[in-house]
Amino acid sequence: MASSEEINKAFNKAVELVNAHHEPFPADVLLNLYAYYKKATDASHSAGESRESLITAFKTNALFQTKNMSKDEAKELYVETTTRYFLYRK
């Protein structure tokens, strides 16, 4: 099992990679990254954040799926999702 320091380092690198990417992500990948990032960073989510109610519903559902995760687990899943996306994208 990786230490918190190793997890943080990998997470920060993955966040930089995602932020530097200029092509659109598939919706399912984007929602997972959104939820893992919010959970990992304790960022708040307000229901009125998006003007589109369907988008808000998908975001809320993605966040709901992370409710029992620890911050480190969310960071690890963010890194795994990012790695998988960049490894297998066409």
PDB file of N, CA and C in Angstrom:
ATOM      1  N   MET A   1       0.846  -1.174   0.000  1.00  0.00           N
ATOM      2  CA  MET A   1       0.000   0.000   0.000  1.00  0.00           C
ATOM      3  C   MET A   1       0.898   1.246   0.000  1.00  0.00           C
ATOM      4  N   ALA A   2       0.540   2.208  -0.790  1.00  0.00           N
ATOM      5  CA  ALA A   2       1.323   3.439  -0.917  1.00  0.00           C
ATOM      6  C   ALA A   2       1.090   4.350   0.286  1.00  0.00           C
ATOM      7  N   SER A   3       2.112   5.129   0.594  1.00  0.00           N
ATOM      8  CA  SER A   3       1.986   6.087   1.693  1.00  0.00           C
ATOM      9  C   SER A   3       1.145   7.283   1.231  1.00  0.00           C
ATOM     10  N   SER A   4       0.645   8.046   2.191  1.00  0.00           N
ATOM     11  CA  SER A   4      -0.140   9.244   1.853  1.00  0.00           C
ATOM     12  C   SER A   4       0.678  10.218   1.020  1.00  0.00           C
ATOM     13  N   GLU A   5       1.958  10.310   1.318  1.00  0.00           N
ATOM     14  CA  GLU A   5       2.831  11.216   0.552  1.00  0.00           C
ATOM     15  C   GLU A   5       2.936  10.763  -0.910  1.00  0.00           C
ATOM     16  N   GLU A   6       3.085   9.462  -1.119  1.00  0.00           N
ATOM     17  CA  GLU A   6       3.154   8.924  -2.484  1.00  0.00           C
ATOM     18  C   GLU A   6       1.835   9.118  -3.216  1.00  0.00           C
ATOM     19  N   ILE A   7       0.752   8.903  -2.504  1.00  0.00           N
ATOM     20  CA  ILE A   7      -0.579   9.089  -3.096  1.00  0.00           C
ATOM     21  C   ILE A   7      -0.770  10.551  -3.495  1.00  0.00           C
ATOM     22  N   ASN A   8      -0.402  11.473  -2.599  1.00  0.00           N
ATOM     23  CA  ASN A   8      -0.535  12.903  -2.902  1.00  0.00           C
ATOM     24  C   ASN A   8       0.296  13.301  -4.114  1.00  0.00           C
ATOM     25  N   LYS A   9       1.502  12.781  -4.192  1.00  0.00           N
ATOM     26  CA  LYS A   9       2.382  13.105  -5.313  1.00  0.00           C
ATOM     27  C   LYS A   9       1.782  12.605  -6.633  1.00  0.00           C
ATOM     28  N   ALA A  10       1.300  11.369  -6.638  1.00  0.00           N
ATOM     29  CA  ALA A  10       0.688  10.797  -7.845  1.00  0.00           C
ATOM     30  C   ALA A  10      -0.594  11.552  -8.205  1.00  0.00           C
ATOM     31  N   PHE A  11      -1.379  11.907  -7.187  1.00  0.00           N
ATOM     32  CA  PHE A  11      -2.624  12.646  -7.412  1.00  0.00           C
ATOM     33  C   PHE A  11      -2.331  14.009  -8.033  1.00  0.00           C
ATOM     34  N   ASN A  12      -1.393  14.738  -7.476  1.00  0.00           N
ATOM     35  CA  ASN A  12      -1.062  16.068  -8.010  1.00  0.00           C
ATOM     36  C   ASN A  12      -0.545  15.988  -9.444  1.00  0.00           C
ATOM     37  N   LYS A  13       0.224  14.966  -9.741  1.00  0.00           N
ATOM     38  CA  LYS A  13       0.712  14.767 -11.104  1.00  0.00           C
ATOM     39  C   LYS A  13      -0.451  14.474 -12.058  1.00  0.00           C
ATOM     40  N   ALA A  14      -1.388  13.638 -11.610  1.00  0.00           N
ATOM     41  CA  ALA A  14      -2.562  13.312 -12.432  1.00  0.00           C
ATOM     42  C   ALA A  14      -3.431  14.542 -12.667  1.00  0.00           C
ATOM     43  N   VAL A  15      -3.598  15.372 -11.647  1.00  0.00           N
ATOM     44  CA  VAL A  15      -4.381  16.605 -11.793  1.00  0.00           C
ATOM     45  C   VAL A  15      -3.725  17.524 -12.819  1.00  0.00           C
ATOM     46  N   GLU A  16      -2.412  17.650 -12.759  1.00  0.00           N
ATOM     47  CA  GLU A  16      -1.694  18.468 -13.740  1.00  0.00           C
ATOM     48  C   GLU A  16      -1.884  17.927 -15.149  1.00  0.00           C
ATOM     49  N   LEU A  17      -1.828  16.611 -15.297  1.00  0.00           N
ATOM     50  CA  LEU A  17      -2.018  15.981 -16.601  1.00  0.00           C
ATOM     51  C   LEU A  17      -3.414  16.260 -17.150  1.00  0.00           C
ATOM     52  N   VAL A  18      -4.411  16.116 -16.307  1.00  0.00           N
ATOM     53  CA  VAL A  18      -5.797  16.365 -16.724  1.00  0.00           C
ATOM     54  C   VAL A  18      -5.984  17.844 -17.089  1.00  0.00           C
ATOM     55  N   ASN A  19      -5.447  18.735 -16.276  1.00  0.00           N
ATOM     56  CA  ASN A  19      -5.598  20.170 -16.535  1.00  0.00           C
ATOM     57  C   ASN A  19      -4.882  20.615 -17.804  1.00  0.00           C
ATOM     58  N   ALA A  20      -3.816  19.911 -18.183  1.00  0.00           N
ATOM     59  CA  ALA A  20      -3.065  20.265 -19.386  1.00  0.00           C
ATOM     60  C   ALA A  20      -3.682  19.671 -20.655  1.00  0.00           C
ATOM     61  N   HIS A  21      -4.625  18.755 -20.489  1.00  0.00           N
ATOM     62  CA  HIS A  21      -5.258  18.075 -21.629  1.00  0.00           C
ATOM     63  C   HIS A  21      -6.319  18.998 -22.238  1.00  0.00           C
ATOM     64  N   HIS A  22      -6.255  19.181 -23.550  1.00  0.00           N
ATOM     65  CA  HIS A  22      -7.158  20.144 -24.194  1.00  0.00           C
ATOM     66  C   HIS A  22      -8.302  19.510 -24.981  1.00  0.00           C
ATOM     67  N   GLU A  23      -8.296  18.209 -25.123  1.00  0.00           N
ATOM     68  CA  GLU A  23      -9.388  17.537 -25.815  1.00  0.00           C
ATOM     69  C   GLU A  23     -10.485  17.184 -24.806  1.00  0.00           C
ATOM     70  N   PRO A  24     -11.725  17.088 -25.265  1.00  0.00           N
ATOM     71  CA  PRO A  24     -12.799  16.723 -24.326  1.00  0.00           C
ATOM     72  C   PRO A  24     -12.653  15.282 -23.838  1.00  0.00           C
ATOM     73  N   PHE A  25     -12.980  15.058 -22.593  1.00  0.00           N
ATOM     74  CA  PHE A  25     -12.999  13.720 -22.018  1.00  0.00           C
ATOM     75  C   PHE A  25     -14.373  13.100 -22.267  1.00  0.00           C
ATOM     76  N   PRO A  26     -14.454  11.779 -22.366  1.00  0.00           N
ATOM     77  CA  PRO A  26     -15.773  11.131 -22.418  1.00  0.00           C
ATOM     78  C   PRO A  26     -16.540  11.476 -21.136  1.00  0.00           C
ATOM     79  N   ALA A  27     -17.843  11.564 -21.245  1.00  0.00           N
ATOM     80  CA  ALA A  27     -18.675  11.997 -20.113  1.00  0.00           C
ATOM     81  C   ALA A  27     -18.485  11.131 -18.874  1.00  0.00           C
ATOM     82  N   ASP A  28     -18.409   9.815 -19.047  1.00  0.00           N
ATOM     83  CA  ASP A  28     -18.271   8.943 -17.874  1.00  0.00           C
ATOM     84  C   ASP A  28     -16.930   9.151 -17.172  1.00  0.00           C
ATOM     85  N   VAL A  29     -15.877   9.349 -17.930  1.00  0.00           N
ATOM     86  CA  VAL A  29     -14.562   9.612 -17.348  1.00  0.00           C
ATOM     87  C   VAL A  29     -14.577  10.956 -16.635  1.00  0.00           C
ATOM     88  N   LEU A  30     -15.141  11.947 -17.275  1.00  0.00           N
ATOM     89  CA  LEU A  30     -15.204  13.288 -16.690  1.00  0.00           C
ATOM     90  C   LEU A  30     -15.981  13.300 -15.380  1.00  0.00           C
ATOM     91  N   LEU A  31     -17.107  12.606 -15.333  1.00  0.00           N
ATOM     92  CA  LEU A  31     -17.899  12.546 -14.098  1.00  0.00           C
ATOM     93  C   LEU A  31     -17.139  11.845 -12.980  1.00  0.00           C
ATOM     94  N   ASN A  32     -16.441  10.760 -13.318  1.00  0.00           N
ATOM     95  CA  ASN A  32     -15.645  10.074 -12.295  1.00  0.00           C
ATOM     96  C   ASN A  32     -14.525  10.974 -11.789  1.00  0.00           C
ATOM     97  N   LEU A  33     -13.813  11.619 -12.700  1.00  0.00           N
ATOM     98  CA  LEU A  33     -12.744  12.528 -12.279  1.00  0.00           C
ATOM     99  C   LEU A  33     -13.283  13.637 -11.403  1.00  0.00           C
ATOM    100  N   TYR A  34     -14.433  14.187 -11.785  1.00  0.00           N
ATOM    101  CA  TYR A  34     -15.081  15.251 -11.014  1.00  0.00           C
ATOM    102  C   TYR A  34     -15.354  14.790  -9.578  1.00  0.00           C
ATOM    103  N   ALA A  35     -15.998  13.626  -9.457  1.00  0.00           N
ATOM    104  CA  ALA A  35     -16.381  13.130  -8.131  1.00  0.00           C
ATOM    105  C   ALA A  35     -15.151  12.787  -7.289  1.00  0.00           C
ATOM    106  N   TYR A  36     -14.172  12.127  -7.886  1.00  0.00           N
ATOM    107  CA  TYR A  36     -12.962  11.765  -7.134  1.00  0.00           C
ATOM    108  C   TYR A  36     -12.207  13.015  -6.691  1.00  0.00           C
ATOM    109  N   TYR A  37     -12.130  13.999  -7.569  1.00  0.00           N
ATOM    110  CA  TYR A  37     -11.426  15.242  -7.225  1.00  0.00           C
ATOM    111  C   TYR A  37     -12.133  15.960  -6.076  1.00  0.00           C
ATOM    112  N   LYS A  38     -13.449  16.080  -6.183  1.00  0.00           N
ATOM    113  CA  LYS A  38     -14.211  16.753  -5.123  1.00  0.00           C
ATOM    114  C   LYS A  38     -14.032  16.044  -3.784  1.00  0.00           C
ATOM    115  N   LYS A  39     -14.094  14.711  -3.800  1.00  0.00           N
ATOM    116  CA  LYS A  39     -13.937  13.941  -2.567  1.00  0.00           C
ATOM    117  C   LYS A  39     -12.507  14.061  -2.029  1.00  0.00           C
ATOM    118  N   ALA A  40     -11.536  13.983  -2.919  1.00  0.00           N
ATOM    119  CA  ALA A  40     -10.133  14.012  -2.511  1.00  0.00           C
ATOM    120  C   ALA A  40      -9.718  15.361  -1.943  1.00  0.00           C
ATOM    121  N   THR A  41     -10.355  16.422  -2.390  1.00  0.00           N
ATOM    122  CA  THR A  41      -9.957  17.765  -1.978  1.00  0.00           C
ATOM    123  C   THR A  41     -10.946  18.416  -1.027  1.00  0.00           C
ATOM    124  N   ASP A  42     -11.985  17.701  -0.645  1.00  0.00           N
ATOM    125  CA  ASP A  42     -13.040  18.259   0.210  1.00  0.00           C
ATOM    126  C   ASP A  42     -13.696  19.489  -0.402  1.00  0.00           C
ATOM    127  N   ALA A  43     -13.666  19.574  -1.727  1.00  0.00           N
ATOM    128  CA  ALA A  43     -14.305  20.704  -2.402  1.00  0.00           C
ATOM    129  C   ALA A  43     -15.819  20.553  -2.277  1.00  0.00           C
ATOM    130  N   SER A  44     -16.483  21.645  -2.057  1.00  0.00           N
ATOM    131  CA  SER A  44     -17.933  21.581  -1.881  1.00  0.00           C
ATOM    132  C   SER A  44     -18.636  21.512  -3.229  1.00  0.00           C
ATOM    133  N   HIS A  45     -19.843  21.010  -3.181  1.00  0.00           N
ATOM    134  CA  HIS A  45     -20.697  20.907  -4.365  1.00  0.00           C
ATOM    135  C   HIS A  45     -22.052  21.470  -3.979  1.00  0.00           C
ATOM    136  N   SER A  46     -22.478  22.458  -4.719  1.00  0.00           N
ATOM    137  CA  SER A  46     -23.820  22.978  -4.463  1.00  0.00           C
ATOM    138  C   SER A  46     -24.714  22.582  -5.617  1.00  0.00           C
ATOM    139  N   ALA A  47     -25.938  22.282  -5.315  1.00  0.00           N
ATOM    140  CA  ALA A  47     -26.874  21.804  -6.325  1.00  0.00           C
ATOM    141  C   ALA A  47     -27.082  22.819  -7.442  1.00  0.00           C
ATOM    142  N   GLY A  48     -26.901  24.081  -7.175  1.00  0.00           N
ATOM    143  CA  GLY A  48     -27.120  25.107  -8.184  1.00  0.00           C
ATOM    144  C   GLY A  48     -25.875  25.449  -8.981  1.00  0.00           C
ATOM    145  N   GLU A  49     -24.829  24.633  -8.875  1.00  0.00           N
ATOM    146  CA  GLU A  49     -23.574  24.919  -9.553  1.00  0.00           C
ATOM    147  C   GLU A  49     -23.721  24.913 -11.071  1.00  0.00           C
ATOM    148  N   SER A  50     -24.557  24.074 -11.593  1.00  0.00           N
ATOM    149  CA  SER A  50     -24.757  23.966 -13.031  1.00  0.00           C
ATOM    150  C   SER A  50     -26.152  24.438 -13.398  1.00  0.00           C
ATOM    151  N   ARG A  51     -26.247  25.123 -14.517  1.00  0.00           N
ATOM    152  CA  ARG A  51     -27.559  25.598 -14.974  1.00  0.00           C
ATOM    153  C   ARG A  51     -28.400  24.467 -15.537  1.00  0.00           C
ATOM    154  N   GLU A  52     -27.758  23.429 -15.960  1.00  0.00           N
ATOM    155  CA  GLU A  52     -28.466  22.297 -16.540  1.00  0.00           C
ATOM    156  C   GLU A  52     -28.822  21.295 -15.449  1.00  0.00           C
ATOM    157  N   SER A  53     -30.107  21.070 -15.233  1.00  0.00           N
ATOM    158  CA  SER A  53     -30.517  20.182 -14.145  1.00  0.00           C
ATOM    159  C   SER A  53     -30.064  18.742 -14.376  1.00  0.00           C
ATOM    160  N   LEU A  54     -29.993  18.283 -15.609  1.00  0.00           N
ATOM    161  CA  LEU A  54     -29.549  16.920 -15.891  1.00  0.00           C
ATOM    162  C   LEU A  54     -28.071  16.762 -15.541  1.00  0.00           C
ATOM    163  N   ILE A  55     -27.273  17.762 -15.885  1.00  0.00           N
ATOM    164  CA  ILE A  55     -25.850  17.724 -15.549  1.00  0.00           C
ATOM    165  C   ILE A  55     -25.668  17.718 -14.042  1.00  0.00           C
ATOM    166  N   THR A  56     -26.434  18.550 -13.354  1.00  0.00           N
ATOM    167  CA  THR A  56     -26.377  18.588 -11.890  1.00  0.00           C
ATOM    168  C   THR A  56     -26.747  17.230 -11.303  1.00  0.00           C
ATOM    169  N   ALA A  57     -27.742  16.579 -11.875  1.00  0.00           N
ATOM    170  CA  ALA A  57     -28.159  15.261 -11.392  1.00  0.00           C
ATOM    171  C   ALA A  57     -27.043  14.235 -11.575  1.00  0.00           C
ATOM    172  N   PHE A  58     -26.377  14.253 -12.718  1.00  0.00           N
ATOM    173  CA  PHE A  58     -25.268  13.323 -12.951  1.00  0.00           C
ATOM    174  C   PHE A  58     -24.115  13.595 -11.992  1.00  0.00           C
ATOM    175  N   LYS A  59     -23.795  14.868 -11.767  1.00  0.00           N
ATOM    176  CA  LYS A  59     -22.726  15.224 -10.832  1.00  0.00           C
ATOM    177  C   LYS A  59     -23.072  14.762  -9.418  1.00  0.00           C
ATOM    178  N   THR A  60     -24.301  14.997  -9.015  1.00  0.00           N
ATOM    179  CA  THR A  60     -24.742  14.602  -7.680  1.00  0.00           C
ATOM    180  C   THR A  60     -24.673  13.091  -7.519  1.00  0.00           C
ATOM    181  N   ASN A  61     -25.084  12.362  -8.542  1.00  0.00           N
ATOM    182  CA  ASN A  61     -25.016  10.903  -8.500  1.00  0.00           C
ATOM    183  C   ASN A  61     -23.567  10.427  -8.406  1.00  0.00           C
ATOM    184  N   ALA A  62     -22.678  11.038  -9.167  1.00  0.00           N
ATOM    185  CA  ALA A  62     -21.260  10.669  -9.119  1.00  0.00           C
ATOM    186  C   ALA A  62     -20.692  10.922  -7.723  1.00  0.00           C
ATOM    187  N   LEU A  63     -21.054  12.054  -7.129  1.00  0.00           N
ATOM    188  CA  LEU A  63     -20.585  12.365  -5.773  1.00  0.00           C
ATOM    189  C   LEU A  63     -21.164  11.393  -4.752  1.00  0.00           C
ATOM    190  N   PHE A  64     -22.421  11.014  -4.938  1.00  0.00           N
ATOM    191  CA  PHE A  64     -23.068  10.072  -4.027  1.00  0.00           C
ATOM    192  C   PHE A  64     -22.305   8.749  -3.994  1.00  0.00           C
ATOM    193  N   GLN A  65     -21.779   8.342  -5.139  1.00  0.00           N
ATOM    194  CA  GLN A  65     -21.048   7.079  -5.226  1.00  0.00           C
ATOM    195  C   GLN A  65     -19.711   7.126  -4.491  1.00  0.00           C
ATOM    196  N   THR A  66     -19.243   8.317  -4.140  1.00  0.00           N
ATOM    197  CA  THR A  66     -17.967   8.442  -3.426  1.00  0.00           C
ATOM    198  C   THR A  66     -18.163   8.724  -1.936  1.00  0.00           C
ATOM    199  N   LYS A  67     -19.379   8.735  -1.458  1.00  0.00           N
ATOM    200  CA  LYS A  67     -19.642   9.205  -0.092  1.00  0.00           C
ATOM    201  C   LYS A  67     -18.954   8.388   0.988  1.00  0.00           C
ATOM    202  N   ASN A  68     -18.703   7.115   0.770  1.00  0.00           N
ATOM    203  CA  ASN A  68     -18.057   6.283   1.792  1.00  0.00           C
ATOM    204  C   ASN A  68     -16.564   6.083   1.544  1.00  0.00           C
ATOM    205  N   MET A  69     -15.995   6.854   0.640  1.00  0.00           N
ATOM    206  CA  MET A  69     -14.571   6.763   0.312  1.00  0.00           C
ATOM    207  C   MET A  69     -13.750   7.684   1.186  1.00  0.00           C
ATOM    208  N   SER A  70     -12.538   7.262   1.451  1.00  0.00           N
ATOM    209  CA  SER A  70     -11.592   8.153   2.123  1.00  0.00           C
ATOM    210  C   SER A  70     -10.982   9.083   1.069  1.00  0.00           C
ATOM    211  N   LYS A  71     -10.328  10.135   1.532  1.00  0.00           N
ATOM    212  CA  LYS A  71      -9.646  11.052   0.610  1.00  0.00           C
ATOM    213  C   LYS A  71      -8.578  10.307  -0.187  1.00  0.00           C
ATOM    214  N   ASP A  72      -7.787   9.479   0.504  1.00  0.00           N
ATOM    215  CA  ASP A  72      -6.722   8.758  -0.184  1.00  0.00           C
ATOM    216  C   ASP A  72      -7.282   7.785  -1.227  1.00  0.00           C
ATOM    217  N   GLU A  73      -8.384   7.128  -0.900  1.00  0.00           N
ATOM    218  CA  GLU A  73      -9.005   6.222  -1.871  1.00  0.00           C
ATOM    219  C   GLU A  73      -9.489   6.999  -3.097  1.00  0.00           C
ATOM    220  N   ALA A  74     -10.078   8.159  -2.889  1.00  0.00           N
ATOM    221  CA  ALA A  74     -10.533   8.983  -4.006  1.00  0.00           C
ATOM    222  C   ALA A  74      -9.345   9.442  -4.858  1.00  0.00           C
ATOM    223  N   LYS A  75      -8.250   9.788  -4.195  1.00  0.00           N
ATOM    224  CA  LYS A  75      -7.043  10.193  -4.932  1.00  0.00           C
ATOM    225  C   LYS A  75      -6.503   9.038  -5.765  1.00  0.00           C
ATOM    226  N   GLU A  76      -6.463   7.843  -5.173  1.00  0.00           N
ATOM    227  CA  GLU A  76      -5.987   6.673  -5.904  1.00  0.00           C
ATOM    228  C   GLU A  76      -6.868   6.371  -7.107  1.00  0.00           C
ATOM    229  N   LEU A  77      -8.178   6.483  -6.942  1.00  0.00           N
ATOM    230  CA  LEU A  77      -9.093   6.234  -8.055  1.00  0.00           C
ATOM    231  C   LEU A  77      -8.971   7.309  -9.133  1.00  0.00           C
ATOM    232  N   TYR A  78      -8.700   8.532  -8.728  1.00  0.00           N
ATOM    233  CA  TYR A  78      -8.465   9.615  -9.689  1.00  0.00           C
ATOM    234  C   TYR A  78      -7.230   9.283 -10.530  1.00  0.00           C
ATOM    235  N   VAL A  79      -6.172   8.857  -9.862  1.00  0.00           N
ATOM    236  CA  VAL A  79      -4.928   8.495 -10.564  1.00  0.00           C
ATOM    237  C   VAL A  79      -5.186   7.309 -11.497  1.00  0.00           C
ATOM    238  N   GLU A  80      -5.879   6.281 -11.015  1.00  0.00           N
ATOM    239  CA  GLU A  80      -6.177   5.108 -11.841  1.00  0.00           C
ATOM    240  C   GLU A  80      -7.019   5.476 -13.056  1.00  0.00           C
ATOM    241  N   THR A  81      -8.021   6.306 -12.864  1.00  0.00           N
ATOM    242  CA  THR A  81      -8.891   6.719 -13.965  1.00  0.00           C
ATOM    243  C   THR A  81      -8.104   7.509 -14.995  1.00  0.00           C
ATOM    244  N   THR A  82      -7.267   8.424 -14.528  1.00  0.00           N
ATOM    245  CA  THR A  82      -6.438   9.229 -15.424  1.00  0.00           C
ATOM    246  C   THR A  82      -5.465   8.342 -16.197  1.00  0.00           C
ATOM    247  N   THR A  83      -4.796   7.449 -15.499  1.00  0.00           N
ATOM    248  CA  THR A  83      -3.835   6.542 -16.136  1.00  0.00           C
ATOM    249  C   THR A  83      -4.517   5.681 -17.185  1.00  0.00           C
ATOM    250  N   ARG A  84      -5.649   5.101 -16.829  1.00  0.00           N
ATOM    251  CA  ARG A  84      -6.401   4.245 -17.756  1.00  0.00           C
ATOM    252  C   ARG A  84      -6.840   5.040 -18.988  1.00  0.00           C
ATOM    253  N   TYR A  85      -7.317   6.258 -18.786  1.00  0.00           N
ATOM    254  CA  TYR A  85      -7.767   7.076 -19.919  1.00  0.00           C
ATOM    255  C   TYR A  85      -6.614   7.361 -20.877  1.00  0.00           C
ATOM    256  N   PHE A  86      -5.497   7.856 -20.355  1.00  0.00           N
ATOM    257  CA  PHE A  86      -4.395   8.227 -21.222  1.00  0.00           C
ATOM    258  C   PHE A  86      -3.691   7.019 -21.824  1.00  0.00           C
ATOM    259  N   LEU A  87      -3.775   5.863 -21.185  1.00  0.00           N
ATOM    260  CA  LEU A  87      -3.163   4.662 -21.698  1.00  0.00           C
ATOM    261  C   LEU A  87      -3.974   4.069 -22.858  1.00  0.00           C
ATOM    262  N   TYR A  88      -5.296   4.100 -22.748  1.00  0.00           N
ATOM    263  CA  TYR A  88      -6.149   3.411 -23.715  1.00  0.00           C
ATOM    264  C   TYR A  88      -6.894   4.321 -24.693  1.00  0.00           C
ATOM    265  N   ARG A  89      -6.735   5.617 -24.601  1.00  0.00           N
ATOM    266  CA  ARG A  89      -7.473   6.481 -25.533  1.00  0.00           C
ATOM    267  C   ARG A  89      -6.886   6.325 -26.938  1.00  0.00           C
ATOM    268  N   LYS A  90      -7.705   6.680 -27.916  1.00  0.00           N
ATOM    269  CA  LYS A  90      -7.258   6.558 -29.309  1.00  0.00           C
ATOM    270  C   LYS A  90      -6.876   7.894 -29.852  1.00  0.00           C
TER     271      LYS A  90
END
